[in-house]
Structure formats: structure tokens, C-alpha cells
Amino acid sequence: MIRVLVVVVLVVAGLAGVVAWQHSYALREEQVSLTHDGKLLQGVLAMPEEGQGPFGLVVFVHGDGPVDATHETFYRPIWEAFARAGYASLSFSKPGIGGSQGDWLDQSMADRADETLAGVAWARAHPDIDGRRIGLWGASQAGWVMPKVAARDPLLQFVIAVSPAVNWLRQGRYDLLAELDPAQVDAALRRRESTLSLMARGASFDEYRATVGDVGDLTPARWAFNIRNHLSDASADLQAMSGTPVLLVLAGHDVNVDVADTESVYRLLVPNVSVAHYPGATHSLVDDVAAWRQTLTAIAAPRRLFTDGFLTDQARFVTATPVGGRAPASGR
């Protein structure tokens, strides 16, 4: 019994050590802050573990939701991949999250772009950052933010757009219908039309609830956020930023974004675009596997959480994109 217990303890200790190692990254993380629009934003600057700056920099632009600077550690494998390519990463918690002041639900996409530009300006003044080699990385909702930023800052080296949509209304319709049974479609579309009519005239949350009935977990603040942003469309900004090299990252199992629509618009409006397809991935660029497998992978081997090639392809893109140059062609 004692020998069995000793073996069990050693195995458990070994597994715990492996998990701890898997969650240790080759990064030097520094807590940073900036003041924007009278509010303090808290963030993280993650620099390569070795070497001296100034480093290139990837500024992270979050998708939807209450996201902190590390996205609950989800970003760290991505940061490490960039660090191995000689690039630091900068990410601020959304307003009202992780020590940042304000409320992210009070923001428009233009507000988010202003906030990102403030982060870029902060980085250009940092002695460890090469101001000529700064680009953006963003996912999902960031697709309405980054084009605004790049249109106003032509000095950006690149933009990496992960699972972005182009038009808020088209994206919402696709997302709504993606997983409905055929028998549910007509009712869902009628409810959607009622909702859009209410949004168009800025109806109150109480009026919305009285009209549609069950609103699920939608809050008054989220309703106001949706009204503020529901007409978002990236097309004009994509045209205005056409000189910036773009890596468009698309997943084959994306039920949130119509990737065919996104790709066709980017290819039409952004001449300097490379497209990377990951057929087995979901919207968040993790493999389309059972939830328990994703959870186990996130705990035991977080670098393996992302679909094959995603991390290395991004790092290759940033190092191959010269300052003021054209993006490398993608083979995917």
C-alpha cells in the first residue's frame, strides 16, 4: 500500500509539474497603464524573454464581451509565438474590466478605435518598442475597430484580422440562422425584424421587452450597446486602409461569421491582403472538438488549444512583412 501511494504521489506530482511547465511562457510581462479620455486603462506589455529592444509590437484589439488584458490567459500562447519572432505584445483590459475604468458597454466602435490609437501612441513613446514596427491583432468584433485605426494611422506595419465580420446586420442574421432547425427559422426572422425596427428608432429596453417578450439574459446596457453599434460596417474603412498589409484568418467551422462573405469583401476592397484558411477550426481558432477535450487541452497543454499552424503562421507573417512593404503571399 505504501509503495502504491508513493507511486501515485509521484505520478500526480509529475503531472502537476508538466501542467505548471505548460503554463509557463517565454515572456517578460510588465503591468502598464495609460489614461485615455479621462479614464485609467490597465494592461500588460509582454516582451520576449531574451534579447534587447527595441522590439516590434503587436497591439491586441479584443472581440466582444468583458475581456481582460490576457483574455483569461487565452492570449499568452499567441504572445509567446510573437515573442519568438522578436515582437512584443500589448493588451489593455476593456473599460470596467481588470482594473480599467469605465464601462465597455458605453462604447461605440469609433470609441474603441480611439482607445486603440491611444495605445499605439503610448507604445511609440516606449523606449523598448520600435515605433516603425507596430501592427494590430484583433478577433471577431475587432473587425469593425481595426480598419478604423489603420485608416487613420497609415504607419502601422500590418493588421491581423481573426474571424472578423464586415457588416453587423449581415453577421447577426448569419449568426442567428447558423444553428436553427428549419422549423424555427420563420419565427426567428419575424422576431429579428421586430427587433431591428425597434433599434432603428432607438426604442427603450422596456419597450423592446414588452414587444418581444422573453429577452433571455439581455440587459438594458447591452440593448443600448446594440443600438449604438448595429449599423457598423467595415467596408469604407477597409477601402481607406488599403495600403496596410492584412492577414485575414478564417475558420472552416465558424458559425458566428459568414467567412465567405468576409473573404469576398476583403479581397475586393483590400489589395494588400493574404488569406489563411483553417478548415477544422471554430470562430476562436480552436479545433472543432468536444468541449471536454477543449477544456482538458486548455489545462494540460494550452499551446495545443489553437488549431495547427495558427500560431506559427501569424509569427511568420509579421516577420515577413517589411516596414512600409507588402504582405507576403499566403499559401493557405
Protein backbone atom coordinates (compact mmCIF):
# COMPACT_ATOMS: atom_id res chain seq x y z
CA MET A 1 0.00 0.00 0.00
CA ILE A 2 2.80 2.40 0.87
CA ARG A 3 4.55 1.66 -2.41
CA VAL A 4 1.32 2.21 -4.35
CA LEU A 5 0.73 5.51 -2.54
CA VAL A 6 4.29 6.61 -3.27
CA VAL A 7 3.84 5.82 -6.97
CA VAL A 8 0.52 7.68 -7.06
CA VAL A 9 2.04 10.72 -5.34
CA LEU A 10 4.98 10.74 -7.77
CA VAL A 11 2.69 10.45 -10.79
CA VAL A 12 0.42 13.24 -9.54
CA ALA A 13 3.43 15.43 -8.76
CA GLY A 14 4.86 14.74 -12.20
CA LEU A 15 1.60 15.63 -13.92
CA ALA A 16 1.31 18.80 -11.83
CA GLY A 17 4.84 19.73 -12.88
CA VAL A 18 4.02 19.20 -16.55
CA VAL A 19 0.89 21.35 -16.25
CA ALA A 20 2.85 24.09 -14.46
CA TRP A 21 5.52 24.00 -17.19
CA GLN A 22 2.85 24.18 -19.89
CA HIS A 23 1.54 27.37 -18.29
CA SER A 24 5.00 28.98 -18.12
CA TYR A 25 5.72 31.17 -21.13
CA ALA A 26 8.90 32.64 -22.56
CA LEU A 27 7.77 36.18 -21.85
CA ARG A 28 8.64 39.15 -19.69
CA GLU A 29 5.29 40.59 -18.65
CA GLU A 30 5.01 44.11 -17.32
CA GLN A 31 1.89 45.71 -15.87
CA VAL A 32 1.27 49.00 -17.66
CA SER A 33 -1.36 51.72 -17.75
CA LEU A 34 -2.44 54.75 -19.73
CA THR A 35 -5.02 57.46 -19.30
CA HIS A 36 -7.45 57.86 -22.18
CA ASP A 37 -10.49 60.11 -22.28
CA GLY A 38 -10.01 60.83 -18.58
CA LYS A 39 -10.06 57.17 -17.57
CA LEU A 40 -7.28 54.83 -16.49
CA LEU A 41 -6.73 51.71 -18.58
CA GLN A 42 -4.72 48.83 -17.13
CA GLY A 43 -2.86 46.41 -19.36
CA VAL A 44 0.06 44.09 -19.97
CA LEU A 45 3.17 44.56 -22.10
CA ALA A 46 4.58 41.10 -22.88
CA MET A 47 8.13 41.25 -24.25
CA PRO A 48 10.43 38.46 -25.45
CA GLU A 49 12.11 36.68 -22.56
CA GLU A 50 15.57 37.29 -24.02
CA GLY A 51 17.18 39.98 -26.11
CA GLN A 52 17.28 43.73 -26.03
CA GLY A 53 14.79 46.09 -27.57
CA PRO A 54 13.52 48.00 -29.24
CA PHE A 55 11.12 45.25 -30.30
CA GLY A 56 8.36 45.27 -32.83
CA LEU A 57 4.92 45.28 -31.25
CA VAL A 58 1.51 43.67 -31.76
CA VAL A 59 -1.33 45.69 -30.22
CA PHE A 60 -4.28 43.46 -29.31
CA VAL A 61 -7.86 44.55 -30.02
CA HIS A 62 -10.46 42.44 -28.24
CA GLY A 63 -13.61 40.90 -29.58
CA ASP A 64 -16.99 41.19 -27.87
CA GLY A 65 -17.60 40.81 -24.15
CA PRO A 66 -15.92 41.73 -20.84
CA VAL A 67 -12.32 40.87 -21.78
CA ASP A 68 -9.32 41.44 -19.54
CA ALA A 69 -5.78 42.08 -20.81
CA THR A 70 -4.81 38.40 -21.06
CA HIS A 71 -8.28 37.18 -22.09
CA GLU A 72 -8.10 34.90 -19.04
CA THR A 73 -4.66 33.67 -20.27
CA PHE A 74 -6.05 32.74 -23.73
CA TYR A 75 -3.69 35.26 -25.37
CA ARG A 76 -0.45 34.04 -23.80
CA PRO A 77 0.35 31.28 -26.33
CA ILE A 78 -0.17 33.87 -29.08
CA TRP A 79 2.07 36.36 -27.28
CA GLU A 80 4.77 33.72 -26.92
CA ALA A 81 4.64 32.93 -30.65
CA PHE A 82 5.09 36.62 -31.45
CA ALA A 83 7.87 36.91 -28.86
CA ARG A 84 9.81 34.11 -30.53
CA ALA A 85 9.56 36.17 -33.72
CA GLY A 86 11.02 39.18 -31.90
CA TYR A 87 7.75 41.03 -31.27
CA ALA A 88 6.28 42.23 -28.01
CA SER A 89 2.51 42.27 -27.40
CA LEU A 90 0.40 44.97 -25.76
CA SER A 91 -3.11 44.43 -24.43
CA PHE A 92 -5.34 46.58 -22.23
CA SER A 93 -8.32 45.37 -20.26
CA LYS A 94 -11.61 46.73 -21.53
CA PRO A 95 -13.14 49.63 -19.60
CA GLY A 96 -14.66 48.32 -16.39
CA ILE A 97 -12.64 45.09 -16.52
CA GLY A 98 -9.37 44.12 -14.80
CA GLY A 99 -8.74 47.48 -13.16
CA SER A 100 -9.59 49.63 -16.19
CA GLN A 101 -12.04 52.44 -15.50
CA GLY A 102 -15.29 53.00 -17.37
CA ASP A 103 -17.79 50.62 -18.98
CA TRP A 104 -17.13 48.83 -22.25
CA LEU A 105 -20.87 48.70 -22.94
CA ASP A 106 -20.87 52.50 -23.23
CA GLN A 107 -18.54 52.35 -26.23
CA SER A 108 -19.11 52.65 -29.95
CA MET A 109 -16.73 51.09 -32.47
CA ALA A 110 -15.34 54.60 -33.05
CA ASP A 111 -14.69 54.90 -29.29
CA ARG A 112 -12.84 51.59 -29.40
CA ALA A 113 -10.75 52.81 -32.34
CA ASP A 114 -9.81 55.98 -30.42
CA GLU A 115 -8.79 53.82 -27.47
CA THR A 116 -6.63 51.62 -29.71
CA LEU A 117 -4.95 54.64 -31.28
CA ALA A 118 -4.14 55.86 -27.77
CA GLY A 119 -2.48 52.51 -27.08
CA VAL A 120 -0.43 52.76 -30.28
CA ALA A 121 0.66 56.30 -29.37
CA TRP A 122 1.64 55.11 -25.89
CA ALA A 123 3.71 52.31 -27.42
CA ARG A 124 5.55 54.60 -29.85
CA ALA A 125 6.82 56.57 -26.87
CA HIS A 126 8.07 53.45 -25.05
CA PRO A 127 11.88 53.01 -25.21
CA ASP A 128 11.65 49.23 -25.68
CA ILE A 129 9.33 49.46 -28.69
CA ASP A 130 10.31 50.14 -32.29
CA GLY A 131 7.65 52.63 -33.37
CA ARG A 132 8.12 51.71 -37.05
CA ARG A 133 7.16 48.09 -36.42
CA ILE A 134 3.76 48.23 -34.77
CA GLY A 135 0.77 46.25 -36.00
CA LEU A 136 -2.67 45.21 -34.82
CA TRP A 137 -4.12 41.82 -33.92
CA GLY A 138 -7.82 41.50 -33.32
CA ALA A 139 -10.62 38.96 -33.39
CA SER A 140 -14.31 39.00 -34.20
CA GLN A 141 -15.78 42.38 -33.18
CA ALA A 142 -12.32 43.90 -33.65
CA GLY A 143 -13.10 43.65 -37.36
CA TRP A 144 -15.07 46.89 -37.00
CA VAL A 145 -12.34 48.56 -34.95
CA MET A 146 -9.01 47.80 -36.64
CA PRO A 147 -9.91 49.15 -40.11
CA LYS A 148 -10.83 52.48 -38.48
CA VAL A 149 -7.47 52.54 -36.73
CA ALA A 150 -5.45 51.58 -39.81
CA ALA A 151 -7.32 54.14 -41.93
CA ARG A 152 -6.19 56.86 -39.52
CA ASP A 153 -2.66 55.53 -38.93
CA PRO A 154 -1.01 54.55 -42.24
CA LEU A 155 2.28 53.90 -40.42
CA LEU A 156 1.01 50.63 -38.99
CA GLN A 157 3.10 47.73 -40.26
CA PHE A 158 0.27 45.20 -40.51
CA VAL A 159 -3.18 44.11 -39.38
CA ILE A 160 -4.07 40.52 -38.43
CA ALA A 161 -7.84 40.09 -38.57
CA VAL A 162 -9.05 36.85 -36.97
CA SER A 163 -12.63 35.79 -37.78
CA PRO A 164 -13.89 39.32 -38.50
CA ALA A 165 -17.26 40.24 -39.91
CA VAL A 166 -17.85 43.17 -42.26
CA ASN A 167 -21.46 44.20 -41.74
CA TRP A 168 -23.10 43.98 -38.30
CA LEU A 169 -26.58 43.24 -39.63
CA ARG A 170 -25.48 40.57 -42.11
CA GLN A 171 -23.32 38.98 -39.44
CA GLY A 172 -26.20 38.98 -36.97
CA ARG A 173 -28.54 37.28 -39.43
CA TYR A 174 -25.95 34.62 -40.28
CA ASP A 175 -25.21 34.00 -36.60
CA LEU A 176 -28.92 33.73 -35.83
CA LEU A 177 -29.67 31.20 -38.55
CA ALA A 178 -26.48 29.12 -38.39
CA GLU A 179 -27.72 26.60 -35.85
CA LEU A 180 -31.52 26.83 -36.11
CA ASP A 181 -33.73 23.97 -37.18
CA PRO A 182 -35.71 24.78 -40.35
CA ALA A 183 -38.94 24.85 -38.34
CA GLN A 184 -37.55 27.68 -36.17
CA VAL A 185 -36.41 29.98 -38.98
CA ASP A 186 -39.63 31.86 -39.78
CA ALA A 187 -40.35 32.77 -36.17
CA ALA A 188 -36.73 33.79 -35.58
CA LEU A 189 -36.73 36.08 -38.62
CA ARG A 190 -40.01 37.72 -37.59
CA ARG A 191 -38.61 38.42 -34.14
CA ARG A 192 -35.44 39.78 -35.73
CA GLU A 193 -37.41 42.20 -37.93
CA SER A 194 -39.30 43.48 -34.90
CA THR A 195 -36.04 43.93 -33.02
CA LEU A 196 -34.38 45.82 -35.88
CA SER A 197 -37.38 48.12 -36.20
CA LEU A 198 -37.15 48.95 -32.52
CA MET A 199 -33.41 49.51 -32.71
CA ALA A 200 -33.75 51.78 -35.72
CA ARG A 201 -35.88 54.23 -33.75
CA GLY A 202 -33.89 53.89 -30.53
CA ALA A 203 -36.63 52.23 -28.51
CA SER A 204 -36.13 51.78 -24.79
CA PHE A 205 -35.29 48.43 -23.29
CA ASP A 206 -38.70 48.32 -21.62
CA GLU A 207 -40.43 48.82 -24.97
CA TYR A 208 -38.28 46.11 -26.52
CA ARG A 209 -39.13 43.67 -23.74
CA ALA A 210 -42.83 44.48 -23.97
CA THR A 211 -42.76 43.85 -27.72
CA VAL A 212 -40.76 40.62 -27.98
CA GLY A 213 -41.44 39.03 -24.59
CA ASP A 214 -38.63 36.83 -23.29
CA VAL A 215 -35.29 38.67 -23.67
CA GLY A 216 -33.12 35.98 -22.07
CA ASP A 217 -30.03 37.42 -20.41
CA LEU A 218 -30.05 40.66 -22.42
CA THR A 219 -29.60 43.68 -20.14
CA PRO A 220 -30.57 47.34 -20.65
CA ALA A 221 -26.88 48.21 -21.02
CA ARG A 222 -26.40 45.58 -23.70
CA TRP A 223 -29.53 46.75 -25.52
CA ALA A 224 -28.10 50.28 -25.59
CA PHE A 225 -24.76 48.92 -26.83
CA ASN A 226 -26.51 47.07 -29.65
CA ILE A 227 -28.46 50.17 -30.69
CA ARG A 228 -25.25 52.21 -30.69
CA ASN A 229 -23.38 49.76 -32.91
CA HIS A 230 -25.89 47.82 -35.00
CA LEU A 231 -25.23 49.81 -38.18
CA SER A 232 -21.49 49.12 -38.11
CA ASP A 233 -19.97 48.26 -41.47
CA ALA A 234 -16.23 48.00 -42.13
CA SER A 235 -16.35 48.48 -45.90
CA ALA A 236 -15.46 52.18 -46.09
CA ASP A 237 -12.68 51.81 -43.54
CA LEU A 238 -11.28 48.76 -45.35
CA GLN A 239 -11.03 50.85 -48.52
CA ALA A 240 -9.37 53.70 -46.62
CA MET A 241 -6.69 51.38 -45.13
CA SER A 242 -5.97 49.54 -48.38
CA GLY A 243 -2.21 50.18 -48.22
CA THR A 244 -1.77 48.31 -44.94
CA PRO A 245 -0.76 44.64 -45.25
CA VAL A 246 -3.52 42.43 -43.84
CA LEU A 247 -3.57 38.79 -42.82
CA LEU A 248 -7.16 37.58 -42.86
CA VAL A 249 -7.61 34.48 -40.70
CA LEU A 250 -10.72 32.38 -41.38
CA ALA A 251 -12.07 29.21 -39.76
CA GLY A 252 -13.88 26.41 -41.54
CA HIS A 253 -16.36 25.78 -38.69
CA ASP A 254 -17.26 29.39 -37.90
CA VAL A 255 -20.96 29.59 -37.01
CA ASN A 256 -20.65 33.23 -35.88
CA VAL A 257 -19.31 34.83 -39.05
CA ASP A 258 -20.06 34.15 -42.72
CA VAL A 259 -16.45 33.60 -43.77
CA ALA A 260 -17.32 33.52 -47.48
CA ASP A 261 -18.85 37.00 -47.24
CA THR A 262 -15.89 38.30 -45.24
CA GLU A 263 -13.33 36.90 -47.64
CA SER A 264 -15.07 38.24 -50.74
CA VAL A 265 -15.27 41.77 -49.28
CA TYR A 266 -11.65 41.79 -48.10
CA ARG A 267 -10.40 40.52 -51.47
CA LEU A 268 -12.44 43.20 -53.24
CA LEU A 269 -11.52 46.15 -51.01
CA VAL A 270 -8.05 45.34 -49.60
CA PRO A 271 -5.48 44.74 -52.35
CA ASN A 272 -2.71 44.00 -49.85
CA VAL A 273 -4.41 41.02 -48.20
CA SER A 274 -3.24 37.47 -47.52
CA VAL A 275 -5.82 34.88 -46.50
CA ALA A 276 -5.18 31.94 -44.18
CA HIS A 277 -7.84 29.21 -44.02
CA TYR A 278 -8.07 26.70 -41.16
CA PRO A 279 -10.71 24.15 -42.19
CA GLY A 280 -11.00 22.34 -38.85
CA ALA A 281 -11.19 25.43 -36.64
CA THR A 282 -14.05 27.26 -34.94
CA HIS A 283 -14.62 31.02 -34.62
CA SER A 284 -11.98 31.26 -31.87
CA LEU A 285 -9.43 29.28 -33.95
CA VAL A 286 -9.53 26.24 -31.70
CA ASP A 287 -10.26 22.85 -33.24
CA ASP A 288 -13.89 21.82 -33.56
CA VAL A 289 -13.83 19.07 -30.93
CA ALA A 290 -15.91 18.17 -27.89
CA ALA A 291 -16.00 20.76 -25.11
CA TRP A 292 -14.39 18.38 -22.61
CA ARG A 293 -11.40 17.94 -24.92
CA GLN A 294 -11.01 21.70 -25.28
CA THR A 295 -11.11 22.12 -21.50
CA LEU A 296 -8.58 19.35 -20.92
CA THR A 297 -6.26 20.80 -23.57
CA ALA A 298 -6.56 24.30 -22.10
CA ILE A 299 -5.49 22.92 -18.71
CA ALA A 300 -2.81 20.44 -19.72
CA ALA A 301 -1.36 21.87 -22.96
CA PRO A 302 -2.67 25.38 -23.73
CA ARG A 303 -0.34 25.86 -26.72
CA ARG A 304 -2.14 22.96 -28.38
CA LEU A 305 -5.52 24.60 -27.88
CA PHE A 306 -5.24 26.53 -31.14
CA THR A 307 -5.64 24.81 -34.47
CA ASP A 308 -2.50 23.52 -36.16
CA GLY A 309 -0.43 26.21 -37.87
CA PHE A 310 -2.31 29.20 -36.45
CA LEU A 311 0.43 30.39 -34.09
CA THR A 312 3.37 29.82 -36.41
CA ASP A 313 1.64 31.31 -39.46
CA GLN A 314 0.99 34.59 -37.67
CA ALA A 315 4.56 34.85 -36.47
CA ARG A 316 5.81 34.14 -39.98
CA PHE A 317 3.54 36.86 -41.36
CA VAL A 318 4.79 39.62 -39.06
CA THR A 319 8.46 38.83 -39.65
CA ALA A 320 7.99 38.60 -43.42
CA THR A 321 6.12 41.90 -43.69
CA PRO A 322 8.63 44.75 -44.10
CA VAL A 323 8.01 48.21 -42.74
CA GLY A 324 6.08 50.05 -45.41
CA GLY A 325 6.16 46.95 -47.63
CA ARG A 326 3.72 44.44 -49.00
CA ALA A 327 2.39 41.43 -47.19
CA PRO A 328 3.79 38.00 -48.10
CA ALA A 329 1.52 35.80 -50.19
CA SER A 330 -0.32 33.14 -48.22
CA GLY A 331 -0.23 29.54 -49.32
CA ARG A 332 -3.36 28.54 -47.40
